[in-house]
Amino acid sequence: MGTALTNQMKKLSSGTLMEQIKGTLLFNLTWEIYIEMEEVLINQTKKLLNGIEKQQIKGLRKRKITLEICIIMAKACLSQMKKLSSGTEKQQNKETQMLNLILVGCVILDEVSASQVKKL
């Protein structure tokens, strides 16, 4: 009877052990799947951040180019106005209006560029 009881206890403990092993294996498998999903999510997030950063840089470059063009145009107008300063008042008014028009256009372009950068 003592041997039968010992054998029965061994069977029970090995059954419990098998259940524990199955539980551990299931936990490990679930954990590995979770880690893989997390790595995929991290990689996708990195790609999105890189794309957003590139778009922002592109937007800032466009804005910088727009401002540089406006500065060149304004300098050219000022230079022209200095050359014509000995001319008639009517001609000077015309040049001033042209400069104002260019500057207003530059301000509008800058505002459009700024709003596009903010959207990114």
C-alpha atoms as a PDB file:
ATOM      1  CA  MET A   1       0.000   0.000   0.000  1.00  0.00           C
ATOM      2  CA  GLY A   2       2.862   2.366   0.755  1.00  0.00           C
ATOM      3  CA  THR A   3       4.321   1.769  -2.711  1.00  0.00           C
ATOM      4  CA  ALA A   4       0.957   2.321  -4.364  1.00  0.00           C
ATOM      5  CA  LEU A   5       0.521   5.569  -2.490  1.00  0.00           C
ATOM      6  CA  THR A   6       4.018   6.705  -3.477  1.00  0.00           C
ATOM      7  CA  ASN A   7       3.351   5.853  -7.130  1.00  0.00           C
ATOM      8  CA  GLN A   8       0.041   7.699  -7.005  1.00  0.00           C
ATOM      9  CA  MET A   9       1.757  10.755  -5.480  1.00  0.00           C
ATOM     10  CA  LYS A  10       4.446  10.659  -8.202  1.00  0.00           C
ATOM     11  CA  LYS A  11       1.765  10.558 -10.903  1.00  0.00           C
ATOM     12  CA  LEU A  12      -0.063  13.473  -9.321  1.00  0.00           C
ATOM     13  CA  SER A  13       3.081  15.532  -8.882  1.00  0.00           C
ATOM     14  CA  SER A  14       4.244  14.802 -12.432  1.00  0.00           C
ATOM     15  CA  GLY A  15       0.784  15.785 -13.712  1.00  0.00           C
ATOM     16  CA  THR A  16       1.000  19.012 -11.754  1.00  0.00           C
ATOM     17  CA  LEU A  17       4.516  19.512 -13.063  1.00  0.00           C
ATOM     18  CA  MET A  18       3.306  18.998 -16.626  1.00  0.00           C
ATOM     19  CA  GLU A  19       0.542  21.557 -16.076  1.00  0.00           C
ATOM     20  CA  GLN A  20       3.106  24.009 -14.709  1.00  0.00           C
ATOM     21  CA  ILE A  21       5.353  23.423 -17.719  1.00  0.00           C
ATOM     22  CA  LYS A  22       2.422  23.910 -20.097  1.00  0.00           C
ATOM     23  CA  GLY A  23       1.488  27.115 -18.281  1.00  0.00           C
ATOM     24  CA  THR A  24       5.068  28.365 -18.428  1.00  0.00           C
ATOM     25  CA  LEU A  25       5.362  27.513 -22.127  1.00  0.00           C
ATOM     26  CA  LEU A  26       2.097  29.300 -22.860  1.00  0.00           C
ATOM     27  CA  PHE A  27       3.270  32.339 -20.886  1.00  0.00           C
ATOM     28  CA  ASN A  28       6.625  32.365 -22.713  1.00  0.00           C
ATOM     29  CA  LEU A  29       4.930  32.077 -26.101  1.00  0.00           C
ATOM     30  CA  THR A  30       2.520  34.889 -25.255  1.00  0.00           C
ATOM     31  CA  TRP A  31       5.410  37.020 -24.002  1.00  0.00           C
ATOM     32  CA  GLU A  32       7.449  36.446 -27.200  1.00  0.00           C
ATOM     33  CA  ILE A  33       4.474  37.397 -29.374  1.00  0.00           C
ATOM     34  CA  TYR A  34       3.979  40.544 -27.287  1.00  0.00           C
ATOM     35  CA  ILE A  35       7.656  41.496 -27.630  1.00  0.00           C
ATOM     36  CA  GLU A  36       7.553  40.990 -31.424  1.00  0.00           C
ATOM     37  CA  MET A  37       4.419  43.131 -31.688  1.00  0.00           C
ATOM     38  CA  GLU A  38       6.095  45.815 -29.566  1.00  0.00           C
ATOM     39  CA  GLU A  39       9.187  45.796 -31.816  1.00  0.00           C
ATOM     40  CA  VAL A  40       7.001  46.175 -34.915  1.00  0.00           C
ATOM     41  CA  LEU A  41       5.197  49.096 -33.275  1.00  0.00           C
ATOM     42  CA  ILE A  42       8.487  50.765 -32.327  1.00  0.00           C
ATOM     43  CA  ASN A  43       9.823  50.396 -35.894  1.00  0.00           C
ATOM     44  CA  GLN A  44       6.622  51.839 -37.382  1.00  0.00           C
ATOM     45  CA  THR A  45       6.754  54.748 -34.939  1.00  0.00           C
ATOM     46  CA  LYS A  46      10.380  55.452 -35.871  1.00  0.00           C
ATOM     47  CA  LYS A  47       9.483  55.447 -39.577  1.00  0.00           C
ATOM     48  CA  LEU A  48       6.591  57.841 -38.975  1.00  0.00           C
ATOM     49  CA  LEU A  49       8.752  60.181 -36.909  1.00  0.00           C
ATOM     50  CA  ASN A  50      11.444  60.189 -39.593  1.00  0.00           C
ATOM     51  CA  GLY A  51       8.828  61.003 -42.241  1.00  0.00           C
ATOM     52  CA  ILE A  52       7.337  63.827 -40.186  1.00  0.00           C
ATOM     53  CA  GLU A  53      10.786  65.238 -39.458  1.00  0.00           C
ATOM     54  CA  LYS A  54      11.698  65.145 -43.151  1.00  0.00           C
ATOM     55  CA  GLN A  55       8.450  66.924 -44.050  1.00  0.00           C
ATOM     56  CA  GLN A  56       9.137  69.612 -41.457  1.00  0.00           C
ATOM     57  CA  ILE A  57      12.669  70.117 -42.735  1.00  0.00           C
ATOM     58  CA  LYS A  58      11.352  70.306 -46.297  1.00  0.00           C
ATOM     59  CA  GLY A  59       8.778  72.907 -45.223  1.00  0.00           C
ATOM     60  CA  LEU A  60      11.408  74.973 -43.435  1.00  0.00           C
ATOM     61  CA  ARG A  61      13.686  74.838 -46.481  1.00  0.00           C
ATOM     62  CA  LYS A  62      10.857  76.091 -48.710  1.00  0.00           C
ATOM     63  CA  ARG A  63      10.174  78.918 -46.278  1.00  0.00           C
ATOM     64  CA  LYS A  64      13.864  79.849 -46.167  1.00  0.00           C
ATOM     65  CA  ILE A  65      14.104  79.867 -49.970  1.00  0.00           C
ATOM     66  CA  THR A  66      10.965  82.019 -50.202  1.00  0.00           C
ATOM     67  CA  LEU A  67      12.404  84.520 -47.741  1.00  0.00           C
ATOM     68  CA  GLU A  68      15.767  84.593 -49.525  1.00  0.00           C
ATOM     69  CA  ILE A  69      14.044  85.318 -52.848  1.00  0.00           C
ATOM     70  CA  CYS A  70      12.034  88.102 -51.215  1.00  0.00           C
ATOM     71  CA  ILE A  71      15.161  89.625 -49.705  1.00  0.00           C
ATOM     72  CA  ILE A  72      16.915  89.569 -53.098  1.00  0.00           C
ATOM     73  CA  MET A  73      13.912  91.209 -54.762  1.00  0.00           C
ATOM     74  CA  ALA A  74      13.669  93.857 -52.039  1.00  0.00           C
ATOM     75  CA  LYS A  75      17.380  94.654 -52.336  1.00  0.00           C
ATOM     76  CA  ALA A  76      17.056  94.951 -56.111  1.00  0.00           C
ATOM     77  CA  CYS A  77      14.118  97.348 -55.714  1.00  0.00           C
ATOM     78  CA  LEU A  78      15.970  99.451 -53.158  1.00  0.00           C
ATOM     79  CA  SER A  79      18.987  99.593 -55.420  1.00  0.00           C
ATOM     80  CA  GLN A  80      16.781 100.666 -58.313  1.00  0.00           C
ATOM     81  CA  MET A  81      15.145 103.320 -56.131  1.00  0.00           C
ATOM     82  CA  LYS A  82      18.535 104.732 -55.162  1.00  0.00           C
ATOM     83  CA  LYS A  83      19.511 104.972 -58.821  1.00  0.00           C
ATOM     84  CA  LEU A  84      16.275 106.744 -59.626  1.00  0.00           C
ATOM     85  CA  SER A  85      16.359 109.053 -56.627  1.00  0.00           C
ATOM     86  CA  SER A  86      17.390 111.870 -58.887  1.00  0.00           C
ATOM     87  CA  GLY A  87      14.329 111.178 -61.079  1.00  0.00           C
ATOM     88  CA  THR A  88      10.882 112.656 -60.827  1.00  0.00           C
ATOM     89  CA  GLU A  89       8.626 112.268 -57.822  1.00  0.00           C
ATOM     90  CA  LYS A  90       6.117 110.368 -59.941  1.00  0.00           C
ATOM     91  CA  GLN A  91       8.747 107.781 -60.883  1.00  0.00           C
ATOM     92  CA  GLN A  92       9.812 107.461 -57.239  1.00  0.00           C
ATOM     93  CA  ASN A  93       6.200 106.851 -56.173  1.00  0.00           C
ATOM     94  CA  LYS A  94       5.908 104.152 -58.823  1.00  0.00           C
ATOM     95  CA  GLU A  95       9.052 102.431 -57.538  1.00  0.00           C
ATOM     96  CA  THR A  96       7.850 102.695 -53.922  1.00  0.00           C
ATOM     97  CA  GLN A  97       4.535 101.116 -54.867  1.00  0.00           C
ATOM     98  CA  MET A  98       6.376  98.312 -56.630  1.00  0.00           C
ATOM     99  CA  LEU A  99       8.562  97.712 -53.560  1.00  0.00           C
ATOM    100  CA  ASN A 100       5.488  97.682 -51.300  1.00  0.00           C
ATOM    101  CA  LEU A 101       3.778  95.206 -53.608  1.00  0.00           C
ATOM    102  CA  ILE A 102       6.806  92.904 -53.525  1.00  0.00           C
ATOM    103  CA  LEU A 103       7.030  93.123 -49.737  1.00  0.00           C
ATOM    104  CA  VAL A 104       3.306  92.392 -49.319  1.00  0.00           C
ATOM    105  CA  GLY A 105       3.705  89.388 -51.620  1.00  0.00           C
ATOM    106  CA  CYS A 106       6.654  88.195 -49.552  1.00  0.00           C
ATOM    107  CA  VAL A 107       4.691  88.520 -46.321  1.00  0.00           C
ATOM    108  CA  ILE A 108       1.816  86.512 -47.822  1.00  0.00           C
ATOM    109  CA  LEU A 109       4.208  83.818 -49.064  1.00  0.00           C
ATOM    110  CA  ASP A 110       5.831  83.655 -45.633  1.00  0.00           C
ATOM    111  CA  GLU A 111       2.456  83.317 -43.894  1.00  0.00           C
ATOM    112  CA  VAL A 112       1.445  80.508 -46.269  1.00  0.00           C
ATOM    113  CA  SER A 113       4.759  78.737 -45.685  1.00  0.00           C
ATOM    114  CA  ALA A 114       4.429  79.154 -41.919  1.00  0.00           C
ATOM    115  CA  SER A 115       0.914  77.707 -41.894  1.00  0.00           C
ATOM    116  CA  GLN A 116       2.081  74.718 -43.961  1.00  0.00           C
ATOM    117  CA  VAL A 117       4.942  74.082 -41.544  1.00  0.00           C
ATOM    118  CA  LYS A 118       2.527  74.268 -38.582  1.00  0.00           C
ATOM    119  CA  LYS A 119       0.273  71.666 -40.228  1.00  0.00           C
ATOM    120  CA  LEU A 120       3.208  69.257 -40.323  1.00  0.00           C
END
